[in-house]
Each structure stands twice: as C-alpha cells, then as structure tokens.
Amino acid sequence: MIKLRRANPFDKFQLGLRQLIEEPMVQRMADNDKIVTRYMDDKEFRSARP
C-alpha cells in the first residue's frame, strides 16, 4: 500500500486503493449470496445446530 502511494500521484493511488477495497467486498457479497441461497433452499442445512 505504501509503495502504491509513493509510486503514484494521489488520483492514481485512489484508483488503486478503490480496487484493493472493492474486489474483496464483491467477493464477500458473492460468498454471502451463496450461503443465503443455500440456507433458503436447503431445509437440512437450515435446521443444523452448532
């Protein structure tokens, strides 16, 4: 992150930072969608107890 900032003007750094933040967020949304869909569709999964 520090290297990214030092190597780029601030506007370019912001674009790189946005990408670093957004990619894991989009992946997390996809993972959450999978677990929610499974929970809603799979009665056995939904009734599992820890």
N, C-alpha and C. Protein backbone atom coordinates (compact mmCIF):
# COMPACT_ATOMS: atom_id res chain seq x y z
N MET A 1 0.82 -1.18 0.00
CA MET A 1 0.00 0.00 0.00
C MET A 1 0.87 1.25 0.00
N ILE A 2 1.87 1.27 0.83
CA ILE A 2 2.78 2.42 0.89
C ILE A 2 3.51 2.58 -0.44
N LYS A 3 3.95 1.46 -1.01
CA LYS A 3 4.64 1.53 -2.30
C LYS A 3 3.70 2.06 -3.38
N LEU A 4 2.45 1.63 -3.33
CA LEU A 4 1.46 2.11 -4.29
C LEU A 4 1.31 3.63 -4.19
N ARG A 5 1.25 4.14 -2.99
CA ARG A 5 1.09 5.59 -2.79
C ARG A 5 2.34 6.34 -3.24
N ARG A 6 3.49 5.86 -2.87
CA ARG A 6 4.73 6.55 -3.22
C ARG A 6 4.99 6.54 -4.73
N ALA A 7 4.54 5.52 -5.40
CA ALA A 7 4.83 5.36 -6.82
C ALA A 7 3.83 6.08 -7.72
N ASN A 8 2.77 6.62 -7.15
CA ASN A 8 1.71 7.19 -7.97
C ASN A 8 1.25 8.54 -7.43
N PRO A 9 0.76 9.40 -8.34
CA PRO A 9 0.10 10.61 -7.86
C PRO A 9 -1.17 10.22 -7.10
N PHE A 10 -1.66 11.13 -6.28
CA PHE A 10 -2.78 10.79 -5.39
C PHE A 10 -4.00 10.26 -6.14
N ASP A 11 -4.35 10.84 -7.29
CA ASP A 11 -5.53 10.38 -8.01
C ASP A 11 -5.37 8.94 -8.50
N LYS A 12 -4.17 8.58 -8.92
CA LYS A 12 -3.92 7.19 -9.33
C LYS A 12 -3.92 6.26 -8.12
N PHE A 13 -3.39 6.74 -7.02
CA PHE A 13 -3.40 5.96 -5.78
C PHE A 13 -4.83 5.65 -5.36
N GLN A 14 -5.71 6.65 -5.47
CA GLN A 14 -7.11 6.44 -5.09
C GLN A 14 -7.75 5.34 -5.93
N LEU A 15 -7.44 5.32 -7.22
CA LEU A 15 -8.00 4.27 -8.09
C LEU A 15 -7.50 2.89 -7.67
N GLY A 16 -6.20 2.80 -7.38
CA GLY A 16 -5.64 1.52 -6.93
C GLY A 16 -6.21 1.09 -5.60
N LEU A 17 -6.37 2.04 -4.70
CA LEU A 17 -6.94 1.74 -3.38
C LEU A 17 -8.38 1.28 -3.51
N ARG A 18 -9.12 1.95 -4.36
CA ARG A 18 -10.52 1.56 -4.57
C ARG A 18 -10.60 0.11 -5.05
N GLN A 19 -9.73 -0.25 -5.97
CA GLN A 19 -9.72 -1.62 -6.49
C GLN A 19 -9.36 -2.62 -5.38
N LEU A 20 -8.38 -2.27 -4.55
CA LEU A 20 -7.99 -3.15 -3.45
C LEU A 20 -9.12 -3.36 -2.46
N ILE A 21 -9.96 -2.37 -2.29
CA ILE A 21 -11.08 -2.47 -1.36
C ILE A 21 -12.28 -3.16 -2.00
N GLU A 22 -12.58 -2.80 -3.23
CA GLU A 22 -13.80 -3.30 -3.87
C GLU A 22 -13.74 -4.77 -4.23
N GLU A 23 -12.61 -5.26 -4.67
CA GLU A 23 -12.53 -6.67 -5.08
C GLU A 23 -12.90 -7.62 -3.94
N PRO A 24 -12.32 -7.47 -2.73
CA PRO A 24 -12.74 -8.39 -1.65
C PRO A 24 -14.19 -8.17 -1.23
N MET A 25 -14.69 -6.95 -1.35
CA MET A 25 -16.09 -6.70 -0.99
C MET A 25 -17.03 -7.41 -1.95
N VAL A 26 -16.73 -7.36 -3.23
CA VAL A 26 -17.56 -8.04 -4.23
C VAL A 26 -17.49 -9.55 -4.00
N GLN A 27 -16.31 -10.06 -3.71
CA GLN A 27 -16.18 -11.50 -3.44
C GLN A 27 -16.98 -11.89 -2.20
N ARG A 28 -16.93 -11.06 -1.18
CA ARG A 28 -17.69 -11.34 0.05
C ARG A 28 -19.18 -11.35 -0.24
N MET A 29 -19.65 -10.43 -1.07
CA MET A 29 -21.06 -10.40 -1.44
C MET A 29 -21.45 -11.69 -2.15
N ALA A 30 -20.60 -12.16 -3.03
CA ALA A 30 -20.87 -13.41 -3.76
C ALA A 30 -20.92 -14.59 -2.79
N ASP A 31 -19.98 -14.62 -1.85
CA ASP A 31 -19.96 -15.70 -0.86
C ASP A 31 -21.21 -15.66 0.02
N ASN A 32 -21.61 -14.46 0.42
CA ASN A 32 -22.81 -14.31 1.24
C ASN A 32 -24.05 -14.76 0.47
N ASP A 33 -24.10 -14.43 -0.81
CA ASP A 33 -25.24 -14.83 -1.63
C ASP A 33 -25.34 -16.35 -1.67
N LYS A 34 -24.21 -17.03 -1.80
CA LYS A 34 -24.20 -18.49 -1.84
C LYS A 34 -24.75 -19.09 -0.55
N ILE A 35 -24.30 -18.57 0.59
CA ILE A 35 -24.72 -19.14 1.88
C ILE A 35 -26.19 -18.82 2.14
N VAL A 36 -26.65 -17.63 1.77
CA VAL A 36 -28.06 -17.28 1.96
C VAL A 36 -28.94 -18.15 1.07
N THR A 37 -28.53 -18.33 -0.17
CA THR A 37 -29.30 -19.19 -1.08
C THR A 37 -29.36 -20.61 -0.54
N ARG A 38 -28.25 -21.11 -0.06
CA ARG A 38 -28.26 -22.48 0.50
C ARG A 38 -29.17 -22.55 1.71
N TYR A 39 -29.10 -21.57 2.57
CA TYR A 39 -29.94 -21.55 3.76
C TYR A 39 -31.42 -21.56 3.37
N MET A 40 -31.77 -20.76 2.39
CA MET A 40 -33.18 -20.67 1.98
C MET A 40 -33.66 -21.93 1.26
N ASP A 41 -32.77 -22.58 0.52
CA ASP A 41 -33.16 -23.72 -0.31
C ASP A 41 -32.98 -25.08 0.34
N ASP A 42 -32.15 -25.18 1.36
CA ASP A 42 -31.76 -26.47 1.92
C ASP A 42 -32.29 -26.60 3.35
N LYS A 43 -33.40 -27.31 3.50
CA LYS A 43 -34.06 -27.44 4.81
C LYS A 43 -33.14 -28.09 5.84
N GLU A 44 -32.39 -29.09 5.43
CA GLU A 44 -31.46 -29.77 6.35
C GLU A 44 -30.36 -28.80 6.83
N PHE A 45 -29.83 -28.05 5.92
CA PHE A 45 -28.80 -27.05 6.27
C PHE A 45 -29.38 -26.01 7.23
N ARG A 46 -30.58 -25.56 6.94
CA ARG A 46 -31.23 -24.54 7.76
C ARG A 46 -31.50 -25.04 9.18
N SER A 47 -31.75 -26.31 9.33
CA SER A 47 -32.09 -26.83 10.66
C SER A 47 -30.88 -27.33 11.45
N ALA A 48 -29.69 -27.24 10.86
CA ALA A 48 -28.47 -27.70 11.54
C ALA A 48 -28.23 -26.86 12.80
N ARG A 49 -27.73 -27.50 13.81
CA ARG A 49 -27.42 -26.83 15.08
C ARG A 49 -25.92 -26.90 15.33
N PRO A 50 -25.35 -25.84 15.93
CA PRO A 50 -23.90 -25.87 16.22
C PRO A 50 -23.54 -26.90 17.26
